[in-house]
Amino acid sequence: VRLERVYRSHIGGIHAVHQSERYGHP
């Protein structure tokens, strides 16, 4: 469960970064 939470958090961070690049937000 712990590892899954970390994995999800990592994926969420990656997704956020991709969104930032797509919309041009810092």
Foldseek 3Di string as FASTA:
>chain_A
DVVVVVVVVVVVVVVVVVVCVVVVND
